[in-house]
Amino acid sequence: MRAQEFLAGFETLAPDATTALTYARLRSQAKQGGHTMPDADYWIAALAIQHRLRLLTMDGHFEQLLPDLRPWLIRVSV
């Protein structure tokens, strides 16, 4: 199966003005609390919140900084 065929089965979420407002609120709240995370992760979190989606991630900072997002964390042992 080619990548395009595989990806055709998924919906792509694009940021809009609502996403940008959510991003700004999340980033501001984190900064006020003395926390930061990579900028792209704020966008990911904003899209998940906007669309009421659960986030599946390996990044623990989502859980620490955004507990209301209720991310599902994947723990990998090597």
Protein backbone atom coordinates (compact mmCIF):
# COMPACT_ATOMS: atom_id res chain seq x y z
CA MET A 1 0.00 0.00 0.00
CA ARG A 2 1.34 3.40 -0.91
CA ALA A 3 1.49 6.26 1.56
CA GLN A 4 -1.15 8.28 -0.30
CA GLU A 5 -3.57 5.36 -0.26
CA PHE A 6 -2.99 4.83 3.45
CA LEU A 7 -3.39 8.52 4.32
CA ALA A 8 -6.58 8.81 2.25
CA GLY A 9 -8.36 6.97 5.05
CA PHE A 10 -7.70 9.79 7.52
CA GLU A 11 -9.20 13.22 7.93
CA THR A 12 -6.73 16.11 7.92
CA LEU A 13 -7.38 18.87 10.44
CA ALA A 14 -6.30 22.36 9.43
CA PRO A 15 -5.90 25.18 11.93
CA ASP A 16 -8.26 28.15 11.70
CA ALA A 17 -9.01 31.26 13.76
CA THR A 18 -10.56 29.18 16.57
CA THR A 19 -7.43 27.03 16.68
CA ALA A 20 -5.26 30.15 16.88
CA LEU A 21 -7.27 31.51 19.81
CA THR A 22 -7.04 28.18 21.64
CA TYR A 23 -3.29 28.04 20.91
CA ALA A 24 -2.82 31.54 22.34
CA ARG A 25 -4.81 30.70 25.48
CA LEU A 26 -2.86 27.48 26.09
CA ARG A 27 0.50 29.11 25.53
CA SER A 28 -0.36 32.08 27.73
CA GLN A 29 -1.59 29.86 30.57
CA ALA A 30 1.52 27.69 30.38
CA LYS A 31 3.81 30.72 30.34
CA GLN A 32 2.02 32.28 33.32
CA GLY A 33 2.58 29.01 35.18
CA GLY A 34 6.27 29.07 34.31
CA HIS A 35 6.03 26.15 31.88
CA THR A 36 6.82 25.76 28.23
CA MET A 37 6.69 23.10 25.58
CA PRO A 38 7.60 23.09 21.88
CA ASP A 39 5.49 25.51 19.86
CA ALA A 40 4.19 22.79 17.53
CA ASP A 41 2.79 20.92 20.54
CA TYR A 42 0.59 23.89 21.46
CA TRP A 43 -0.88 23.74 17.94
CA ILE A 44 -1.45 19.99 18.25
CA ALA A 45 -3.13 20.45 21.62
CA ALA A 46 -5.25 23.34 20.31
CA LEU A 47 -6.54 21.22 17.41
CA ALA A 48 -7.31 18.31 19.74
CA ILE A 49 -9.23 20.57 22.13
CA GLN A 50 -11.08 22.36 19.34
CA HIS A 51 -12.27 19.12 17.76
CA ARG A 52 -12.82 17.37 21.12
CA LEU A 53 -10.31 14.67 20.28
CA ARG A 54 -8.22 12.59 22.61
CA LEU A 55 -4.49 12.88 22.01
CA LEU A 56 -2.35 9.75 21.74
CA THR A 57 1.25 10.69 22.42
CA MET A 58 4.62 9.64 23.76
CA ASP A 59 5.31 13.18 25.05
CA GLY A 60 4.75 13.36 28.78
CA HIS A 61 4.68 17.16 28.83
CA PHE A 62 1.15 17.11 27.38
CA GLU A 63 -0.04 15.35 30.53
CA GLN A 64 1.98 17.60 32.83
CA LEU A 65 1.07 20.94 31.24
CA LEU A 66 -2.39 20.23 29.85
CA PRO A 67 -4.14 17.75 32.16
CA ASP A 68 -7.58 18.84 30.89
CA LEU A 69 -6.62 17.46 27.48
CA ARG A 70 -6.50 13.99 29.10
CA PRO A 71 -3.90 12.60 26.72
CA TRP A 72 -3.31 8.90 26.39
CA LEU A 73 0.38 8.36 26.99
CA ILE A 74 2.30 5.56 25.35
CA ARG A 75 5.18 4.24 27.43
CA VAL A 76 7.92 2.48 25.49
CA SER A 77 10.58 0.42 27.21
CA VAL A 78 13.86 -0.35 25.50
